[in-house]
Amino acid sequence: MAEREFAILLAEKRKTNPNATEIADFEYDHLVELVRPSQYDFDSQSVRPYLPYNHVKKGIMDTAATLFHVSFRQELNVPA
């Protein structure tokens, strides 16, 4: 399965770099996003309306607080 996925991603990369033989770590996510609509009929942007940023941020902060036994609080009157 991994070889098949690699072949698909490499084919996508070869559209812009015909001599490519490898996929760097930093390229992987970008190539997956390019392949998803054509291979899997999925566009990650289509779920954005269901995941409002403020709710996602709160969920991530709450999870981090639980996992690492820390708390987060906003500092007032501090430039950001």
N, C-alpha and C. Protein backbone atom coordinates (compact mmCIF):
# COMPACT_ATOMS: atom_id res chain seq x y z
N MET A 1 0.82 -1.18 0.00
CA MET A 1 0.00 0.00 0.00
C MET A 1 0.88 1.26 0.00
N ALA A 2 1.96 1.24 0.79
CA ALA A 2 2.84 2.40 0.86
C ALA A 2 3.50 2.66 -0.49
N GLU A 3 3.87 1.60 -1.19
CA GLU A 3 4.49 1.76 -2.51
C GLU A 3 3.51 2.37 -3.50
N ARG A 4 2.25 1.96 -3.41
CA ARG A 4 1.22 2.51 -4.30
C ARG A 4 1.01 4.00 -4.02
N GLU A 5 0.93 4.35 -2.73
CA GLU A 5 0.76 5.76 -2.36
C GLU A 5 1.96 6.58 -2.82
N PHE A 6 3.15 6.05 -2.63
CA PHE A 6 4.36 6.75 -3.07
C PHE A 6 4.32 6.98 -4.58
N ALA A 7 3.91 5.96 -5.32
CA ALA A 7 3.85 6.09 -6.79
C ALA A 7 2.86 7.19 -7.20
N ILE A 8 1.73 7.26 -6.52
CA ILE A 8 0.72 8.29 -6.83
C ILE A 8 1.28 9.68 -6.55
N LEU A 9 1.92 9.83 -5.38
CA LEU A 9 2.47 11.14 -5.01
C LEU A 9 3.64 11.53 -5.92
N LEU A 10 4.46 10.56 -6.27
CA LEU A 10 5.58 10.85 -7.17
C LEU A 10 5.07 11.25 -8.55
N ALA A 11 4.02 10.61 -9.02
CA ALA A 11 3.43 10.99 -10.31
C ALA A 11 2.94 12.44 -10.27
N GLU A 12 2.35 12.83 -9.13
CA GLU A 12 1.89 14.22 -8.98
C GLU A 12 3.08 15.18 -9.00
N LYS A 13 4.13 14.82 -8.31
CA LYS A 13 5.32 15.67 -8.27
C LYS A 13 5.96 15.79 -9.65
N ARG A 14 5.92 14.71 -10.41
CA ARG A 14 6.53 14.71 -11.75
C ARG A 14 5.79 15.60 -12.74
N LYS A 15 4.61 16.04 -12.39
CA LYS A 15 3.90 16.99 -13.26
C LYS A 15 4.65 18.31 -13.34
N THR A 16 5.35 18.66 -12.26
CA THR A 16 6.13 19.91 -12.25
C THR A 16 7.63 19.66 -12.29
N ASN A 17 8.05 18.44 -11.96
CA ASN A 17 9.47 18.09 -11.97
C ASN A 17 9.62 16.69 -12.57
N PRO A 18 9.69 16.59 -13.90
CA PRO A 18 9.68 15.29 -14.57
C PRO A 18 10.80 14.33 -14.16
N ASN A 19 11.89 14.84 -13.63
CA ASN A 19 13.02 13.99 -13.26
C ASN A 19 12.99 13.56 -11.79
N ALA A 20 11.94 13.87 -11.09
CA ALA A 20 11.87 13.57 -9.65
C ALA A 20 11.88 12.07 -9.40
N THR A 21 12.63 11.68 -8.37
CA THR A 21 12.68 10.27 -7.96
C THR A 21 12.39 10.11 -6.47
N GLU A 22 12.35 11.22 -5.76
CA GLU A 22 12.13 11.18 -4.32
C GLU A 22 11.09 12.23 -3.92
N ILE A 23 10.54 12.04 -2.74
CA ILE A 23 9.62 13.02 -2.16
C ILE A 23 10.20 13.41 -0.81
N ALA A 24 10.52 14.68 -0.67
CA ALA A 24 11.06 15.18 0.60
C ALA A 24 9.94 15.26 1.63
N ASP A 25 10.32 15.18 2.89
CA ASP A 25 9.34 15.25 3.97
C ASP A 25 8.47 16.50 3.88
N PHE A 26 9.09 17.63 3.55
CA PHE A 26 8.34 18.89 3.51
C PHE A 26 7.36 18.96 2.34
N GLU A 27 7.51 18.10 1.36
CA GLU A 27 6.62 18.09 0.19
C GLU A 27 5.40 17.19 0.37
N TYR A 28 5.49 16.26 1.29
CA TYR A 28 4.47 15.21 1.41
C TYR A 28 3.06 15.77 1.59
N ASP A 29 2.86 16.62 2.58
CA ASP A 29 1.51 17.14 2.85
C ASP A 29 0.95 17.92 1.66
N HIS A 30 1.81 18.70 1.02
CA HIS A 30 1.36 19.47 -0.15
C HIS A 30 0.91 18.53 -1.27
N LEU A 31 1.68 17.49 -1.52
CA LEU A 31 1.32 16.56 -2.58
C LEU A 31 0.04 15.81 -2.24
N VAL A 32 -0.14 15.45 -0.99
CA VAL A 32 -1.38 14.76 -0.58
C VAL A 32 -2.58 15.66 -0.85
N GLU A 33 -2.45 16.95 -0.53
CA GLU A 33 -3.56 17.89 -0.78
C GLU A 33 -3.85 18.01 -2.27
N LEU A 34 -2.84 17.91 -3.11
CA LEU A 34 -3.06 17.99 -4.56
C LEU A 34 -3.75 16.73 -5.09
N VAL A 35 -3.44 15.59 -4.48
CA VAL A 35 -3.95 14.31 -4.97
C VAL A 35 -5.37 14.01 -4.46
N ARG A 36 -5.70 14.46 -3.28
CA ARG A 36 -6.99 14.12 -2.67
C ARG A 36 -8.20 14.38 -3.56
N PRO A 37 -8.32 15.55 -4.17
CA PRO A 37 -9.53 15.78 -4.99
C PRO A 37 -9.67 14.81 -6.15
N SER A 38 -8.57 14.47 -6.81
CA SER A 38 -8.67 13.59 -7.97
C SER A 38 -8.74 12.11 -7.60
N GLN A 39 -8.00 11.69 -6.60
CA GLN A 39 -7.96 10.27 -6.24
C GLN A 39 -9.09 9.84 -5.30
N TYR A 40 -9.48 10.75 -4.40
CA TYR A 40 -10.42 10.36 -3.35
C TYR A 40 -11.70 11.19 -3.35
N ASP A 41 -11.85 12.09 -4.31
CA ASP A 41 -13.03 12.96 -4.39
C ASP A 41 -13.27 13.66 -3.06
N PHE A 42 -12.18 14.20 -2.48
CA PHE A 42 -12.27 14.90 -1.20
C PHE A 42 -11.46 16.18 -1.27
N ASP A 43 -12.07 17.27 -0.85
CA ASP A 43 -11.39 18.55 -0.78
C ASP A 43 -11.42 18.99 0.68
N SER A 44 -10.26 19.11 1.30
CA SER A 44 -10.20 19.43 2.73
C SER A 44 -10.85 20.78 3.04
N GLN A 45 -10.91 21.67 2.07
CA GLN A 45 -11.54 22.97 2.30
C GLN A 45 -13.06 22.83 2.46
N SER A 46 -13.63 21.75 2.00
CA SER A 46 -15.08 21.57 2.09
C SER A 46 -15.56 21.35 3.52
N VAL A 47 -14.68 20.97 4.43
CA VAL A 47 -15.09 20.75 5.82
C VAL A 47 -14.90 21.98 6.69
N ARG A 48 -14.30 23.02 6.16
CA ARG A 48 -14.05 24.23 6.96
C ARG A 48 -15.30 24.82 7.60
N PRO A 49 -16.45 24.85 6.93
CA PRO A 49 -17.63 25.42 7.58
C PRO A 49 -18.06 24.64 8.83
N TYR A 50 -17.66 23.39 8.92
CA TYR A 50 -18.06 22.56 10.06
C TYR A 50 -17.05 22.63 11.20
N LEU A 51 -15.93 23.27 10.97
CA LEU A 51 -14.87 23.36 11.98
C LEU A 51 -14.46 24.81 12.19
N PRO A 52 -15.29 25.60 12.84
CA PRO A 52 -14.95 27.01 13.05
C PRO A 52 -13.66 27.15 13.86
N TYR A 53 -12.83 28.08 13.46
CA TYR A 53 -11.51 28.25 14.05
C TYR A 53 -11.56 28.37 15.57
N ASN A 54 -12.45 29.18 16.10
CA ASN A 54 -12.48 29.39 17.56
C ASN A 54 -12.79 28.09 18.32
N HIS A 55 -13.66 27.25 17.77
CA HIS A 55 -13.96 25.98 18.42
C HIS A 55 -12.78 25.02 18.34
N VAL A 56 -12.13 24.98 17.20
CA VAL A 56 -10.97 24.11 17.02
C VAL A 56 -9.84 24.55 17.94
N LYS A 57 -9.60 25.85 17.99
CA LYS A 57 -8.54 26.38 18.86
C LYS A 57 -8.81 26.03 20.31
N LYS A 58 -10.06 26.22 20.75
CA LYS A 58 -10.41 25.89 22.14
C LYS A 58 -10.20 24.40 22.40
N GLY A 59 -10.58 23.56 21.48
CA GLY A 59 -10.40 22.12 21.63
C GLY A 59 -8.94 21.73 21.74
N ILE A 60 -8.11 22.35 20.92
CA ILE A 60 -6.67 22.06 20.96
C ILE A 60 -6.08 22.53 22.28
N MET A 61 -6.45 23.72 22.71
CA MET A 61 -5.92 24.26 23.97
C MET A 61 -6.39 23.41 25.16
N ASP A 62 -7.65 23.00 25.16
CA ASP A 62 -8.16 22.16 26.24
C ASP A 62 -7.46 20.80 26.27
N THR A 63 -7.23 20.23 25.11
CA THR A 63 -6.54 18.95 25.04
C THR A 63 -5.10 19.08 25.53
N ALA A 64 -4.41 20.13 25.10
CA ALA A 64 -3.03 20.35 25.56
C ALA A 64 -2.99 20.56 27.07
N ALA A 65 -3.95 21.30 27.60
CA ALA A 65 -3.99 21.54 29.04
C ALA A 65 -4.17 20.23 29.81
N THR A 66 -5.01 19.37 29.30
CA THR A 66 -5.24 18.08 29.95
C THR A 66 -4.01 17.17 29.85
N LEU A 67 -3.46 17.08 28.65
CA LEU A 67 -2.32 16.19 28.43
C LEU A 67 -1.07 16.61 29.20
N PHE A 68 -0.81 17.91 29.24
CA PHE A 68 0.45 18.39 29.81
C PHE A 68 0.28 19.03 31.19
N HIS A 69 -0.94 18.96 31.74
CA HIS A 69 -1.20 19.51 33.07
C HIS A 69 -0.75 20.96 33.19
N VAL A 70 -1.18 21.76 32.23
CA VAL A 70 -0.89 23.19 32.22
C VAL A 70 -2.20 23.94 32.06
N SER A 71 -2.14 25.23 32.26
CA SER A 71 -3.31 26.06 31.99
C SER A 71 -2.88 27.23 31.12
N PHE A 72 -3.81 27.72 30.36
CA PHE A 72 -3.57 28.84 29.47
C PHE A 72 -4.48 29.98 29.89
N ARG A 73 -3.93 31.16 29.94
CA ARG A 73 -4.76 32.33 30.23
C ARG A 73 -4.23 33.50 29.39
N GLN A 74 -5.14 34.33 29.02
CA GLN A 74 -4.78 35.48 28.20
C GLN A 74 -4.25 36.59 29.08
N GLU A 75 -3.12 37.15 28.70
CA GLU A 75 -2.55 38.29 29.41
C GLU A 75 -3.22 39.54 28.89
N LEU A 76 -3.73 40.34 29.79
CA LEU A 76 -4.38 41.58 29.40
C LEU A 76 -3.34 42.68 29.21
N ASN A 77 -3.63 43.61 28.34
CA ASN A 77 -2.78 44.77 28.07
C ASN A 77 -1.37 44.39 27.60
N VAL A 78 -1.27 43.32 26.86
CA VAL A 78 0.02 42.91 26.29
C VAL A 78 -0.13 42.96 24.77
N PRO A 79 0.77 43.65 24.08
CA PRO A 79 0.66 43.70 22.61
C PRO A 79 0.89 42.32 22.01
N ALA A 80 0.09 42.01 21.03
CA ALA A 80 0.23 40.71 20.37
C ALA A 80 0.29 40.90 18.87
